[in-house]
Amino acid sequence: MKKTGMLLILFSFALLDYSCNNAFDPNAPFRERYVLTGIMRSDTTLQVVTLTRSYEPSDGINPLSNTQDPAIVGAQVNLWYKDTLYEMRDTTLVRIDTSRYKDSVHCYYVNNLKPEENQYVDIEALLPNGRLLQSTTQLPEVSPVGFFDENSDKNIPPTGKDFIYVSWTSLPGIIYSPRAYITYYTAGSSVEKHLQLPLFFINEGGKQSPVYSNQSNINFVSINMATIAQYLDELPQGGSKKDFSIAGLSVEVIVYDQNLSTYYLSMQTNKNSFTVSLDNPDFTNIQGGYGIFASYERTVYKLKFTYTYLKALGFE
């Protein structure tokens, strides 16, 4: 028994001596990983993709200590859309924030592709080291006919209510980003201008702060008529309301595809003001690497102001 106790004591001293003479290393063995990021849009012919690699911090611990841009240069990046091949060209953009990286932003682009709703876009990126990254996205279907609820309000003010209500198709697991704005013109100008309206207000330190856009799976917008009247009343900013022509109110909805919706939801998991996330979930839909290749669609629902309502507010 005494021999056993002595052996345990000697073993403990050996461990203590080893730990004192060997520095603790918090880093796992480094593995270079490759990241592709691209969001396809149907409201522009310009499509942009970035390629980057993982890196080891220069000081071994703090990622912000790295000042060398991890962008991957010289890759061959192709898009396929409706059986047509689009070769993406590499280019650089002026970097706005130079606090960390000093070089220009490196990316790949095409300027002649405007994908349509409900269509597929495939991507392949062949890296200089021979690694192949692949992915696919299907643009959401958001045709105005059938996407917006036919029971949504059409005129302002609505009959028998003190708020306007616009709703649209609800799909499981899909994220929507709506915003509302009033379209108007100033006297002598044909340039369309927008006055953005808050979707709702939140209490911040006893003060009501407006929220102008929101990302969630909620499929409707409801705005009080008092809010609309207030923002219309403040539009002239000291000028005359007679110098403004009010064209209507629009509710614009950006619809994320399944990939982008899943990525957004994964980043929001267990997020609240009392949570510090140390290990965010890694969502990727890139074969052969990491990142996100996704798409979104933009659609607009328009409401009309009645002449009587605008005239009562002082507009002609």
Protein backbone atom coordinates (compact mmCIF):
# COMPACT_ATOMS: atom_id res chain seq x y z
CA MET A 1 0.00 0.00 0.00
CA LYS A 2 2.88 2.37 0.89
CA LYS A 3 4.57 1.54 -2.43
CA THR A 4 1.38 2.36 -4.32
CA GLY A 5 1.05 5.71 -2.54
CA MET A 6 4.68 6.55 -3.24
CA LEU A 7 4.24 5.75 -6.94
CA LEU A 8 1.21 8.05 -7.16
CA ILE A 9 3.16 10.87 -5.50
CA LEU A 10 6.09 10.42 -7.88
CA PHE A 11 3.72 10.34 -10.87
CA SER A 12 2.07 13.57 -9.69
CA PHE A 13 5.46 15.28 -9.38
CA ALA A 14 6.33 14.09 -12.88
CA LEU A 15 3.13 15.61 -14.31
CA LEU A 16 3.75 18.85 -12.42
CA ASP A 17 7.30 19.05 -13.75
CA TYR A 18 6.08 18.38 -17.33
CA SER A 19 3.37 21.07 -17.15
CA CYS A 20 5.82 23.63 -15.75
CA ASN A 21 8.37 23.01 -18.46
CA ASN A 22 5.96 22.82 -21.43
CA ALA A 23 3.93 25.88 -22.45
CA PHE A 24 0.20 25.37 -22.94
CA ASP A 25 -0.74 25.66 -26.60
CA PRO A 26 -4.42 26.72 -27.18
CA ASN A 27 -4.19 26.19 -30.93
CA ALA A 28 -5.23 23.03 -32.70
CA PRO A 29 -3.09 21.86 -35.64
CA PHE A 30 -3.60 24.35 -38.49
CA ARG A 31 -5.63 23.19 -41.48
CA GLU A 32 -5.94 25.49 -44.46
CA ARG A 33 -9.55 25.84 -45.53
CA TYR A 34 -11.04 27.57 -48.57
CA VAL A 35 -14.08 29.83 -48.47
CA LEU A 36 -16.37 30.87 -51.33
CA THR A 37 -18.94 33.64 -50.80
CA GLY A 38 -21.44 34.82 -53.40
CA ILE A 39 -25.03 36.13 -53.46
CA MET A 40 -26.80 36.04 -56.84
CA ARG A 41 -29.27 38.87 -57.49
CA SER A 42 -32.00 39.28 -60.10
CA ASP A 43 -32.11 43.09 -59.84
CA THR A 44 -28.70 43.64 -61.44
CA THR A 45 -26.49 42.19 -64.19
CA LEU A 46 -23.43 42.44 -61.92
CA GLN A 47 -22.69 39.26 -59.95
CA VAL A 48 -19.74 39.14 -57.53
CA VAL A 49 -17.97 36.26 -55.74
CA THR A 50 -15.05 36.27 -53.28
CA LEU A 51 -12.55 33.51 -52.52
CA THR A 52 -10.49 33.44 -49.33
CA ARG A 53 -8.43 30.98 -47.28
CA SER A 54 -8.07 30.39 -43.56
CA TYR A 55 -4.87 31.61 -41.93
CA GLU A 56 -2.82 31.39 -38.76
CA PRO A 57 -2.66 34.62 -36.71
CA SER A 58 0.75 36.26 -36.89
CA ASP A 59 0.98 36.27 -33.09
CA GLY A 60 -0.44 32.75 -32.84
CA ILE A 61 -3.58 33.76 -30.94
CA ASN A 62 -5.33 36.96 -32.04
CA PRO A 63 -6.92 36.72 -35.53
CA LEU A 64 -6.88 40.53 -35.82
CA SER A 65 -3.08 40.48 -35.68
CA ASN A 66 -3.00 39.21 -39.26
CA THR A 67 -2.51 42.02 -41.79
CA GLN A 68 -2.04 39.94 -44.94
CA ASP A 69 -5.21 39.67 -47.01
CA PRO A 70 -6.23 35.97 -47.24
CA ALA A 71 -7.89 36.44 -50.67
CA ILE A 72 -7.24 33.73 -53.26
CA VAL A 73 -5.93 35.17 -56.53
CA GLY A 74 -5.71 33.44 -59.90
CA ALA A 75 -8.65 31.01 -59.58
CA GLN A 76 -10.83 29.96 -62.51
CA VAL A 77 -14.45 30.74 -61.54
CA ASN A 78 -17.40 29.81 -63.76
CA LEU A 79 -21.17 30.20 -63.46
CA TRP A 80 -23.75 28.09 -65.31
CA TYR A 81 -27.20 29.53 -65.97
CA LYS A 82 -29.74 28.05 -68.40
CA ASP A 83 -27.02 25.91 -70.06
CA THR A 84 -24.85 28.99 -70.66
CA LEU A 85 -21.35 29.31 -69.25
CA TYR A 86 -20.29 32.64 -67.71
CA GLU A 87 -16.59 33.08 -66.98
CA MET A 88 -15.99 35.33 -63.99
CA ARG A 89 -13.11 37.80 -64.25
CA ASP A 90 -10.89 38.71 -61.33
CA THR A 91 -10.59 42.34 -60.31
CA THR A 92 -9.81 44.57 -57.35
CA LEU A 93 -11.92 47.18 -55.57
CA VAL A 94 -10.87 50.08 -53.40
CA ARG A 95 -10.90 49.02 -49.77
CA ILE A 96 -12.88 51.48 -47.61
CA ASP A 97 -11.65 50.20 -44.25
CA THR A 98 -7.84 50.03 -44.21
CA SER A 99 -7.43 49.58 -40.46
CA ARG A 100 -6.36 45.96 -40.90
CA TYR A 101 -5.70 45.13 -44.56
CA LYS A 102 -3.98 47.71 -46.75
CA ASP A 103 -4.39 45.97 -50.11
CA SER A 104 -7.37 46.39 -52.43
CA VAL A 105 -10.33 44.02 -52.12
CA HIS A 106 -9.94 41.09 -54.52
CA CYS A 107 -13.04 39.52 -56.09
CA TYR A 108 -14.45 37.81 -59.20
CA TYR A 109 -17.32 39.18 -61.29
CA VAL A 110 -19.50 38.99 -64.40
CA ASN A 111 -21.47 41.98 -65.67
CA ASN A 112 -23.85 40.33 -68.11
CA LEU A 113 -25.88 37.90 -66.00
CA LYS A 114 -29.32 38.76 -64.64
CA PRO A 115 -30.88 35.51 -63.39
CA GLU A 116 -34.65 35.16 -63.23
CA GLU A 117 -36.80 33.99 -60.37
CA ASN A 118 -37.12 30.26 -59.70
CA GLN A 119 -34.05 29.52 -61.87
CA TYR A 120 -30.89 27.68 -60.86
CA VAL A 121 -27.34 29.10 -60.90
CA ASP A 122 -24.37 26.74 -60.51
CA ILE A 123 -20.81 27.73 -59.65
CA GLU A 124 -17.41 26.05 -59.92
CA ALA A 125 -14.18 27.57 -58.64
CA LEU A 126 -10.92 25.83 -59.57
CA LEU A 127 -8.24 27.11 -57.21
CA PRO A 128 -4.56 27.49 -58.25
CA ASN A 129 -3.67 24.44 -56.09
CA GLY A 130 -6.18 22.26 -57.97
CA ARG A 131 -8.90 22.32 -55.29
CA LEU A 132 -12.43 22.49 -56.74
CA LEU A 133 -15.28 24.30 -54.95
CA GLN A 134 -18.88 23.81 -56.17
CA SER A 135 -22.39 24.91 -55.22
CA THR A 136 -25.91 25.66 -56.50
CA THR A 137 -28.62 28.18 -55.68
CA GLN A 138 -32.23 28.49 -56.83
CA LEU A 139 -33.63 32.00 -56.91
CA PRO A 140 -36.89 32.42 -54.97
CA GLU A 141 -40.20 32.71 -56.82
CA VAL A 142 -41.77 36.09 -56.05
CA SER A 143 -44.07 37.02 -58.93
CA PRO A 144 -46.34 39.87 -57.75
CA VAL A 145 -49.35 37.90 -58.96
CA GLY A 146 -49.92 35.22 -56.32
CA PHE A 147 -47.05 36.23 -54.02
CA PHE A 148 -48.86 39.05 -52.22
CA ASP A 149 -52.12 38.26 -50.42
CA GLU A 150 -55.14 39.54 -52.35
CA ASN A 151 -56.62 40.73 -49.04
CA SER A 152 -53.75 43.20 -48.54
CA ASP A 153 -54.82 46.83 -48.41
CA LYS A 154 -54.78 48.67 -51.72
CA ASN A 155 -55.72 52.22 -50.80
CA ILE A 156 -54.69 54.70 -48.12
CA PRO A 157 -56.49 55.22 -45.85
CA PRO A 158 -58.01 51.72 -45.65
CA THR A 159 -61.69 51.38 -44.89
CA GLY A 160 -62.57 50.94 -41.22
CA LYS A 161 -58.98 50.62 -39.92
CA ASP A 162 -56.32 52.90 -38.48
CA PHE A 163 -53.45 50.92 -40.05
CA ILE A 164 -52.42 49.47 -43.39
CA TYR A 165 -51.73 45.75 -43.72
CA VAL A 166 -49.77 43.98 -46.47
CA SER A 167 -49.03 40.25 -46.35
CA TRP A 168 -47.37 37.75 -48.66
CA THR A 169 -46.70 34.06 -49.15
CA SER A 170 -45.26 32.31 -46.10
CA LEU A 171 -42.80 29.49 -46.84
CA PRO A 172 -41.28 27.21 -44.15
CA GLY A 173 -37.77 28.22 -43.18
CA ILE A 174 -37.62 31.26 -45.49
CA ILE A 175 -36.48 34.70 -44.30
CA TYR A 176 -38.00 37.97 -45.53
CA SER A 177 -36.57 41.48 -45.31
CA PRO A 178 -39.31 44.11 -45.86
CA ARG A 179 -39.16 47.90 -45.94
CA ALA A 180 -41.81 50.54 -46.64
CA TYR A 181 -41.39 53.91 -48.29
CA ILE A 182 -43.42 56.78 -49.73
CA THR A 183 -42.63 57.73 -53.33
CA TYR A 184 -42.79 61.43 -54.13
CA TYR A 185 -41.57 64.14 -56.53
CA THR A 186 -40.54 67.72 -55.93
CA ALA A 187 -41.83 70.59 -58.07
CA GLY A 188 -40.09 70.87 -61.44
CA SER A 189 -38.32 67.50 -61.13
CA SER A 190 -39.06 64.10 -62.64
CA VAL A 191 -36.64 62.31 -60.28
CA GLU A 192 -38.41 59.78 -58.07
CA LYS A 193 -37.57 60.14 -54.38
CA HIS A 194 -38.25 57.88 -51.40
CA LEU A 195 -39.22 58.62 -47.80
CA GLN A 196 -38.66 55.46 -45.77
CA LEU A 197 -41.22 54.62 -43.09
CA PRO A 198 -40.54 52.71 -39.86
CA LEU A 199 -42.02 49.22 -39.69
CA PHE A 200 -42.32 49.48 -35.92
CA PHE A 201 -40.78 51.17 -32.87
CA ILE A 202 -38.73 49.72 -30.01
CA ASN A 203 -38.13 51.14 -26.55
CA GLU A 204 -34.51 52.13 -25.98
CA GLY A 205 -33.83 53.77 -22.65
CA GLY A 206 -37.37 55.11 -22.42
CA LYS A 207 -37.28 56.50 -25.96
CA GLN A 208 -39.19 55.09 -28.93
CA SER A 209 -36.68 54.33 -31.70
CA PRO A 210 -37.87 53.55 -35.26
CA VAL A 211 -36.93 50.29 -37.00
CA TYR A 212 -36.92 50.71 -40.78
CA SER A 213 -36.16 47.18 -41.96
CA ASN A 214 -36.17 43.74 -40.43
CA GLN A 215 -35.08 40.17 -41.26
CA SER A 216 -37.40 37.43 -40.03
CA ASN A 217 -39.86 34.75 -41.14
CA ILE A 218 -42.81 37.11 -40.49
CA ASN A 219 -44.79 37.51 -43.71
CA PHE A 220 -46.60 40.81 -43.22
CA VAL A 221 -46.16 44.53 -42.62
CA SER A 222 -48.54 46.63 -40.53
CA ILE A 223 -48.07 50.42 -40.24
CA ASN A 224 -50.26 52.78 -38.25
CA MET A 225 -51.96 55.59 -40.16
CA ALA A 226 -50.73 57.99 -37.44
CA THR A 227 -47.13 57.12 -38.41
CA ILE A 228 -47.83 57.67 -42.11
CA ALA A 229 -49.49 61.04 -41.40
CA GLN A 230 -46.61 62.12 -39.16
CA TYR A 231 -43.92 61.36 -41.74
CA LEU A 232 -45.90 63.00 -44.54
CA ASP A 233 -46.37 66.08 -42.36
CA GLU A 234 -42.60 66.30 -41.75
CA LEU A 235 -41.68 65.75 -45.41
CA PRO A 236 -41.45 69.44 -46.47
CA GLN A 237 -38.90 70.11 -43.69
CA GLY A 238 -39.98 73.71 -43.34
CA GLY A 239 -40.97 74.13 -47.00
CA SER A 240 -44.38 74.13 -48.61
CA LYS A 241 -46.39 70.93 -49.14
CA LYS A 242 -47.53 72.41 -52.45
CA ASP A 243 -44.02 71.76 -53.78
CA PHE A 244 -44.42 68.00 -53.32
CA SER A 245 -46.31 65.44 -55.38
CA ILE A 246 -47.09 62.18 -53.51
CA ALA A 247 -47.14 59.19 -55.86
CA GLY A 248 -47.89 56.31 -53.48
CA LEU A 249 -46.64 53.97 -50.79
CA SER A 250 -44.61 50.85 -51.57
CA VAL A 251 -43.77 47.78 -49.53
CA GLU A 252 -40.60 46.19 -50.84
CA VAL A 253 -39.83 42.61 -49.80
CA ILE A 254 -36.48 40.88 -50.23
CA VAL A 255 -36.91 37.10 -50.16
CA TYR A 256 -33.89 34.99 -49.19
CA ASP A 257 -33.39 31.63 -50.86
CA GLN A 258 -33.22 28.45 -48.78
CA ASN A 259 -29.41 28.62 -48.45
CA LEU A 260 -29.33 32.24 -47.29
CA SER A 261 -32.30 31.71 -44.96
CA THR A 262 -30.65 28.70 -43.32
CA TYR A 263 -27.38 30.61 -42.95
CA TYR A 264 -29.16 33.59 -41.35
CA LEU A 265 -31.11 31.37 -38.95
CA SER A 266 -27.95 29.50 -37.94
CA MET A 267 -26.28 32.80 -37.04
CA GLN A 268 -29.28 33.85 -34.93
CA THR A 269 -29.42 30.65 -32.83
CA ASN A 270 -29.60 31.41 -29.10
CA LYS A 271 -28.84 35.09 -29.68
CA ASN A 272 -30.08 37.53 -27.06
CA SER A 273 -28.69 40.42 -25.01
CA PHE A 274 -27.45 38.03 -22.28
CA THR A 275 -25.63 35.59 -24.57
CA VAL A 276 -21.99 35.61 -25.63
CA SER A 277 -21.49 33.11 -28.45
CA LEU A 278 -18.09 31.39 -28.36
CA ASP A 279 -18.75 28.78 -31.02
CA ASN A 280 -21.14 29.84 -33.78
CA PRO A 281 -22.51 26.99 -35.90
CA ASP A 282 -20.72 26.55 -39.22
CA PHE A 283 -23.27 26.44 -42.04
CA THR A 284 -21.89 25.90 -45.50
CA ASN A 285 -23.31 24.76 -48.83
CA ILE A 286 -19.96 24.69 -50.62
CA GLN A 287 -18.75 21.29 -51.80
CA GLY A 288 -15.00 20.97 -51.33
CA GLY A 289 -14.79 23.96 -49.01
CA TYR A 290 -16.73 26.37 -46.84
CA GLY A 291 -18.86 29.48 -47.25
CA ILE A 292 -22.23 30.42 -48.69
CA PHE A 293 -23.47 30.56 -52.28
CA ALA A 294 -27.04 31.82 -52.26
CA SER A 295 -29.50 34.26 -53.85
CA TYR A 296 -32.36 36.58 -53.11
CA GLU A 297 -35.26 38.17 -54.98
CA ARG A 298 -36.78 41.61 -54.60
CA THR A 299 -40.46 42.38 -55.21
CA VAL A 300 -42.67 45.43 -54.57
CA TYR A 301 -46.32 45.91 -53.61
CA LYS A 302 -47.81 49.38 -54.26
CA LEU A 303 -50.65 51.18 -52.47
CA LYS A 304 -52.41 54.36 -53.63
CA PHE A 305 -53.24 57.44 -51.56
CA THR A 306 -56.74 58.80 -52.04
CA TYR A 307 -57.00 62.38 -53.29
CA THR A 308 -59.21 63.33 -50.35
CA TYR A 309 -56.65 62.07 -47.82
CA LEU A 310 -53.71 63.94 -49.37
CA LYS A 311 -55.71 67.13 -49.77
CA ALA A 312 -56.71 66.99 -46.08
CA LEU A 313 -53.00 66.85 -45.21
CA GLY A 314 -52.27 69.92 -47.34
CA PHE A 315 -50.86 68.28 -50.50
CA GLU A 316 -52.20 69.16 -53.94
